[in-house]
Amino acid sequence: MTGSLREQLGDYLALRRALGYRMARPEKLLNQFLDYLDGRGEMVITVAAALDWARLPANGSSNWWAYRLSAVRGFAGYLHTLDPAHEAPAPDLLPQRPLRASPYLYSDAEIKALIAAADTLPTPLRRVTFTTLIGLLVVTGIRVGEAIALDRDDVDFAAGRLTVRFGKFGKTRELALHPSTVEELRHYQRLRRRYAPRTATPALFVSLAGTRLRYCNIHWTFHRLVRVAGLEPRSSSCRPRIHDLRHSFAVRSMLDAYAAGEDGQTRLTLLSTWLGHVHPASTYWYLSASPELMTVAGQRLEAHLSGGSARRR
């Protein structure tokens, strides 16, 4: 049973990845689902089995159940086209309720506390790796996945540029780095050579094993640093997340632009390109959670409209 299903899962994952989807998490869940079918002695996917597995653990959230079922749904739909004996759960079973987290906008003091907390990590390599990683996320606003994918050759120390090769939709972009950031990356490279094991990986940031950092381990360590830094949730939907360093970068960029008297729309367009967004509307979401920024933007708009009224009179 499972041999053929495992083979078909491999084909399904290869197809989805060829279409540009990132399948690391669905792959893990689907392999767990096949283990579950093995335990039940079932050779085909049924709606009943999919629902029973998806609603584990019993105390899980409805959104987690929905996500688990959605992973099975895609695979089951693929299998159904090959063999109608496989049943694909309907989309209205365990529907996922969209819950978008409110961005946690870090203050300068909170960022300093996070970086200071990295000094409590148990080894010199982990300390310097997470200090440098968090600092780079703060000053560039790149995604965590983009930082993980960076290779040493992606840092042009002479030109002060960072090449981000694996953004969303496979887009590559170049970012200009401040000289202080270049120096911090130089410092990391020196300490990396001293503390990291000899390795053939081209990765910029490495683990204690000398391998490229893993997404799940970064998040686990970041949550530890949040606790050490004493950061608390501001609401049930606004908790300190590593992704919110990107939101904070975007808000600070716009506030700096307004403080310098720059045109907000022009900066927004540039910021969208810098962040690797396809459309500025995606960047606007990053900004809408900041009352300070919305106040400044409102004041600028009011001043613009007042000026227009005065000219009309």
Protein backbone atom coordinates (compact mmCIF):
# COMPACT_ATOMS: atom_id res chain seq x y z
CA MET A 1 0.00 0.00 0.00
CA THR A 2 2.19 2.64 1.33
CA GLY A 3 5.01 1.96 -1.08
CA SER A 4 2.94 3.13 -4.04
CA LEU A 5 1.39 5.97 -2.09
CA ARG A 6 4.84 7.16 -1.02
CA GLU A 7 5.96 7.06 -4.63
CA GLN A 8 2.88 9.01 -5.71
CA LEU A 9 3.54 11.50 -2.92
CA GLY A 10 7.03 12.02 -4.32
CA ASP A 11 5.55 12.68 -7.78
CA TYR A 12 2.97 15.07 -6.32
CA LEU A 13 5.58 17.05 -4.38
CA ALA A 14 7.85 17.27 -7.42
CA LEU A 15 4.96 18.59 -9.52
CA ARG A 16 3.99 21.23 -6.95
CA ARG A 17 7.58 22.36 -6.55
CA ALA A 18 7.94 22.65 -10.31
CA LEU A 19 4.99 25.04 -10.18
CA GLY A 20 6.83 27.22 -7.67
CA TYR A 21 5.27 26.04 -4.39
CA ARG A 22 7.30 25.55 -1.23
CA MET A 23 6.34 22.15 0.06
CA ALA A 24 8.52 21.52 3.10
CA ARG A 25 5.69 21.74 5.63
CA PRO A 26 3.04 19.91 3.53
CA GLU A 27 5.60 17.17 2.81
CA LYS A 28 6.13 16.61 6.53
CA LEU A 29 2.38 16.54 7.23
CA LEU A 30 1.58 14.23 4.31
CA ASN A 31 4.21 11.73 5.38
CA GLN A 32 2.64 11.76 8.85
CA PHE A 33 -0.76 11.19 7.25
CA LEU A 34 0.55 8.18 5.32
CA ASP A 35 1.96 6.81 8.59
CA TYR A 36 -1.53 7.23 10.05
CA LEU A 37 -3.11 5.32 7.16
CA ASP A 38 -0.50 2.61 7.66
CA GLY A 39 -1.54 2.28 11.27
CA ARG A 40 -5.19 1.88 10.25
CA GLY A 41 -4.33 -0.63 7.54
CA GLU A 42 -6.02 1.52 4.88
CA MET A 43 -4.84 1.52 1.29
CA VAL A 44 -6.77 4.49 -0.11
CA ILE A 45 -7.53 7.98 1.12
CA THR A 46 -11.08 8.45 2.39
CA VAL A 47 -12.79 11.57 3.66
CA ALA A 48 -13.39 9.86 7.00
CA ALA A 49 -9.71 9.01 7.47
CA ALA A 50 -8.63 12.47 6.37
CA LEU A 51 -10.99 14.13 8.87
CA ASP A 52 -9.98 11.83 11.71
CA TRP A 53 -6.29 12.59 11.13
CA ALA A 54 -6.78 16.31 10.51
CA ARG A 55 -8.57 16.77 13.85
CA LEU A 56 -5.48 15.74 15.79
CA PRO A 57 -4.56 16.66 18.40
CA ALA A 58 -7.99 16.80 19.98
CA ASN A 59 -7.19 20.10 21.69
CA GLY A 60 -5.77 21.69 18.54
CA SER A 61 -7.06 24.94 17.07
CA SER A 62 -9.66 24.90 14.30
CA ASN A 63 -7.24 26.70 11.98
CA TRP A 64 -4.56 24.06 12.56
CA TRP A 65 -7.08 21.31 11.81
CA ALA A 66 -8.08 23.17 8.64
CA TYR A 67 -4.46 23.51 7.54
CA ARG A 68 -3.79 19.81 8.07
CA LEU A 69 -6.88 18.89 6.06
CA SER A 70 -5.94 21.31 3.27
CA ALA A 71 -2.59 19.51 2.90
CA VAL A 72 -4.41 16.20 2.47
CA ARG A 73 -7.01 17.74 0.18
CA GLY A 74 -4.42 18.77 -2.41
CA PHE A 75 -2.74 15.37 -2.44
CA ALA A 76 -6.05 13.48 -2.44
CA GLY A 77 -7.34 15.56 -5.34
CA TYR A 78 -4.21 14.71 -7.29
CA LEU A 79 -4.63 11.00 -6.52
CA HIS A 80 -8.33 11.07 -7.40
CA THR A 81 -7.46 12.01 -10.98
CA LEU A 82 -5.31 8.88 -11.15
CA ASP A 83 -7.63 6.56 -9.24
CA PRO A 84 -11.24 7.56 -8.39
CA ALA A 85 -11.11 5.27 -5.34
CA HIS A 86 -9.29 8.06 -3.49
CA GLU A 87 -11.65 10.63 -1.97
CA ALA A 88 -10.79 14.32 -1.77
CA PRO A 89 -12.34 16.24 1.18
CA ALA A 90 -14.67 19.03 0.06
CA PRO A 91 -13.44 22.62 0.51
CA ASP A 92 -16.22 23.40 3.02
CA LEU A 93 -15.03 20.71 5.44
CA LEU A 94 -13.09 22.37 8.29
CA PRO A 95 -12.85 25.73 6.50
CA GLN A 96 -9.92 27.86 7.57
CA ARG A 97 -10.79 31.15 9.16
CA PRO A 98 -8.40 33.85 8.01
CA LEU A 99 -6.69 35.24 11.10
CA ARG A 100 -3.99 37.69 10.10
CA ALA A 101 -1.69 38.53 12.96
CA SER A 102 -1.32 42.17 13.93
CA PRO A 103 2.29 43.26 13.33
CA TYR A 104 4.37 43.66 16.47
CA LEU A 105 6.33 46.85 15.79
CA TYR A 106 9.57 46.76 17.75
CA SER A 107 10.93 49.84 19.47
CA ASP A 108 14.65 50.57 19.37
CA ALA A 109 14.88 49.48 23.01
CA GLU A 110 13.20 46.16 22.25
CA ILE A 111 15.56 45.48 19.35
CA LYS A 112 18.54 46.21 21.58
CA ALA A 113 17.10 43.84 24.20
CA LEU A 114 16.74 41.06 21.60
CA ILE A 115 20.32 41.47 20.41
CA ALA A 116 21.55 41.57 24.00
CA ALA A 117 19.57 38.38 24.70
CA ALA A 118 21.52 36.63 21.93
CA ASP A 119 24.59 36.94 24.16
CA THR A 120 22.98 34.40 26.51
CA LEU A 121 23.11 31.62 23.90
CA PRO A 122 25.40 28.78 24.93
CA THR A 123 28.17 28.82 22.30
CA PRO A 124 30.22 31.60 20.64
CA LEU A 125 29.05 30.56 17.15
CA ARG A 126 25.36 30.68 18.07
CA ARG A 127 25.82 34.01 19.83
CA VAL A 128 27.51 35.72 16.91
CA THR A 129 25.23 34.04 14.34
CA PHE A 130 22.00 35.21 15.94
CA THR A 131 23.34 38.63 16.83
CA THR A 132 24.34 39.16 13.19
CA LEU A 133 21.20 37.55 11.75
CA ILE A 134 18.83 39.68 13.83
CA GLY A 135 20.84 42.80 13.07
CA LEU A 136 20.71 42.09 9.33
CA LEU A 137 16.94 41.53 9.44
CA VAL A 138 16.51 44.81 11.34
CA VAL A 139 18.52 46.99 8.95
CA THR A 140 17.51 45.40 5.63
CA GLY A 141 13.96 44.12 6.18
CA ILE A 142 14.69 40.93 4.22
CA ARG A 143 12.60 37.82 4.89
CA VAL A 144 13.90 35.13 7.22
CA GLY A 145 13.86 32.62 4.36
CA GLU A 146 15.92 35.01 2.23
CA ALA A 147 18.48 35.36 5.03
CA ILE A 148 18.72 31.57 5.39
CA ALA A 149 19.31 31.24 1.63
CA LEU A 150 22.17 33.77 1.55
CA ASP A 151 25.54 32.46 0.47
CA ARG A 152 28.87 34.04 1.40
CA ASP A 153 29.36 35.18 -2.20
CA ASP A 154 26.08 37.13 -2.01
CA VAL A 155 27.85 39.75 0.11
CA ASP A 156 29.95 42.10 -2.02
CA PHE A 157 32.13 43.71 0.63
CA ALA A 158 33.93 46.00 -1.82
CA ALA A 159 30.73 47.43 -3.32
CA GLY A 160 28.71 47.25 -0.10
CA ARG A 161 25.92 45.25 -1.70
CA LEU A 162 23.82 42.25 -0.78
CA THR A 163 22.31 40.02 -3.47
CA VAL A 164 19.03 38.39 -2.42
CA ARG A 165 18.55 35.54 -4.88
CA PHE A 166 15.62 33.57 -3.52
CA GLY A 167 12.81 36.03 -2.88
CA LYS A 168 9.17 35.23 -3.49
CA PHE A 169 8.41 34.02 -7.01
CA GLY A 170 12.15 33.45 -7.54
CA LYS A 171 12.91 37.17 -7.84
CA THR A 172 16.48 38.41 -7.31
CA ARG A 173 17.30 41.90 -6.07
CA GLU A 174 20.35 43.84 -4.91
CA LEU A 175 20.38 45.89 -1.72
CA ALA A 176 22.87 48.61 -0.80
CA LEU A 177 24.36 48.11 2.68
CA HIS A 178 25.46 50.77 5.14
CA PRO A 179 29.22 50.62 5.86
CA SER A 180 28.49 49.64 9.47
CA THR A 181 26.46 46.64 8.24
CA VAL A 182 29.29 45.62 5.91
CA GLU A 183 31.71 45.75 8.84
CA GLU A 184 29.41 43.61 11.01
CA LEU A 185 29.21 41.01 8.25
CA ARG A 186 33.01 41.05 7.95
CA HIS A 187 33.22 40.50 11.71
CA TYR A 188 30.80 37.57 11.45
CA GLN A 189 32.83 35.99 8.64
CA ARG A 190 35.98 36.16 10.77
CA LEU A 191 34.31 34.60 13.80
CA ARG A 192 32.53 32.04 11.61
CA ARG A 193 35.90 30.83 10.33
CA ARG A 194 37.14 30.59 13.90
CA TYR A 195 34.19 28.83 15.53
CA ALA A 196 32.31 26.92 12.81
CA PRO A 197 33.39 23.40 11.84
CA ARG A 198 35.05 22.97 8.45
CA THR A 199 32.25 22.66 5.94
CA ALA A 200 31.64 22.72 2.20
CA THR A 201 28.40 24.69 2.51
CA PRO A 202 28.38 28.07 0.77
CA ALA A 203 25.81 29.36 3.30
CA LEU A 204 26.49 32.69 4.96
CA PHE A 205 24.82 31.76 8.26
CA VAL A 206 25.64 28.30 9.62
CA SER A 207 24.61 26.05 12.48
CA LEU A 208 26.82 24.34 15.05
CA ALA A 209 27.04 21.41 12.62
CA GLY A 210 28.35 23.69 9.88
CA THR A 211 25.14 23.41 7.85
CA ARG A 212 22.75 26.05 6.58
CA LEU A 213 20.37 27.28 9.28
CA ARG A 214 16.90 25.76 9.40
CA TYR A 215 13.72 27.84 9.56
CA CYS A 216 12.22 25.96 12.50
CA ASN A 217 15.39 26.24 14.59
CA ILE A 218 15.62 29.97 13.96
CA HIS A 219 12.06 30.45 15.17
CA TRP A 220 12.64 28.29 18.25
CA THR A 221 15.72 30.32 19.18
CA PHE A 222 13.99 33.62 18.47
CA HIS A 223 11.14 32.77 20.84
CA ARG A 224 13.74 31.95 23.49
CA LEU A 225 15.34 35.36 22.93
CA VAL A 226 11.94 37.03 23.20
CA ARG A 227 11.46 35.47 26.63
CA VAL A 228 14.94 36.44 27.79
CA ALA A 229 14.40 40.00 26.53
CA GLY A 230 11.13 40.18 28.49
CA LEU A 231 8.95 41.05 25.49
CA GLU A 232 5.24 40.43 26.04
CA PRO A 233 2.29 40.08 23.62
CA ARG A 234 0.32 43.28 23.16
CA SER A 235 -2.86 41.32 22.41
CA SER A 236 -3.88 37.79 21.46
CA SER A 237 -3.17 38.60 17.80
CA CYS A 238 -0.10 40.80 18.34
CA ARG A 239 2.84 38.74 19.56
CA PRO A 240 6.57 39.24 18.99
CA ARG A 241 7.46 37.37 15.80
CA ILE A 242 10.72 37.40 13.89
CA HIS A 243 8.82 38.36 10.71
CA ASP A 244 7.73 41.57 12.43
CA LEU A 245 11.30 42.86 12.21
CA ARG A 246 10.43 43.28 8.52
CA HIS A 247 7.27 45.22 9.37
CA SER A 248 9.26 47.42 11.74
CA PHE A 249 11.84 48.15 9.03
CA ALA A 250 9.10 49.24 6.62
CA VAL A 251 7.47 51.56 9.18
CA ARG A 252 10.80 53.16 10.17
CA SER A 253 11.63 53.74 6.50
CA MET A 254 8.40 55.62 5.92
CA LEU A 255 8.71 57.64 9.13
CA ASP A 256 12.24 58.65 8.10
CA ALA A 257 10.93 59.72 4.70
CA TYR A 258 8.21 61.89 6.23
CA ALA A 259 10.66 63.39 8.73
CA ALA A 260 12.95 64.33 5.83
CA GLY A 261 10.05 65.93 3.94
CA GLU A 262 10.15 63.36 1.14
CA ASP A 263 7.18 62.39 -0.99
CA GLY A 264 5.48 59.46 0.70
CA GLN A 265 4.24 57.80 -2.49
CA THR A 266 7.68 57.87 -4.04
CA ARG A 267 9.23 56.30 -0.93
CA LEU A 268 6.47 53.69 -0.83
CA THR A 269 7.25 52.63 -4.40
CA LEU A 270 10.97 52.39 -3.65
CA LEU A 271 10.28 50.52 -0.41
CA SER A 272 8.08 48.02 -2.24
CA THR A 273 10.93 47.25 -4.65
CA TRP A 274 13.43 47.00 -1.79
CA LEU A 275 11.24 44.53 0.11
CA GLY A 276 10.70 42.40 -3.00
CA HIS A 277 6.95 42.99 -3.21
CA VAL A 278 5.21 42.57 -6.53
CA HIS A 279 2.88 45.52 -5.89
CA PRO A 280 2.98 48.48 -3.47
CA ALA A 281 -0.40 47.35 -2.08
CA SER A 282 1.44 44.49 -0.37
CA THR A 283 3.74 47.02 1.27
CA TYR A 284 0.81 49.08 2.53
CA TRP A 285 -0.27 46.22 4.81
CA TYR A 286 3.12 46.45 6.51
CA LEU A 287 2.45 50.09 7.30
CA SER A 288 -1.22 50.15 8.28
CA ALA A 289 -0.64 48.80 11.81
CA SER A 290 1.43 51.80 12.95
CA PRO A 291 -0.69 54.54 14.60
CA GLU A 292 2.33 56.85 14.55
CA LEU A 293 2.78 56.44 10.82
CA MET A 294 -0.92 56.77 10.09
CA THR A 295 -0.99 59.99 12.13
CA VAL A 296 1.94 61.47 10.22
CA ALA A 297 0.42 60.45 6.89
CA GLY A 298 -2.92 61.96 7.92
CA GLN A 299 -1.23 65.21 8.88
CA ARG A 300 0.56 65.35 5.54
CA LEU A 301 -2.71 64.73 3.71
CA GLU A 302 -4.52 67.37 5.74
CA ALA A 303 -1.77 69.90 5.05
CA HIS A 304 -1.91 69.06 1.34
CA LEU A 305 -5.69 69.46 1.21
CA SER A 306 -5.57 72.70 3.19
CA GLY A 307 -3.00 74.08 0.82
CA GLY A 308 -5.16 73.15 -2.13
CA SER A 309 -8.19 74.86 -0.57
CA ALA A 310 -6.19 78.02 0.06
CA ARG A 311 -5.02 78.09 -3.55
CA ARG A 312 -8.59 77.66 -4.78
CA ARG A 313 -9.68 80.65 -2.70
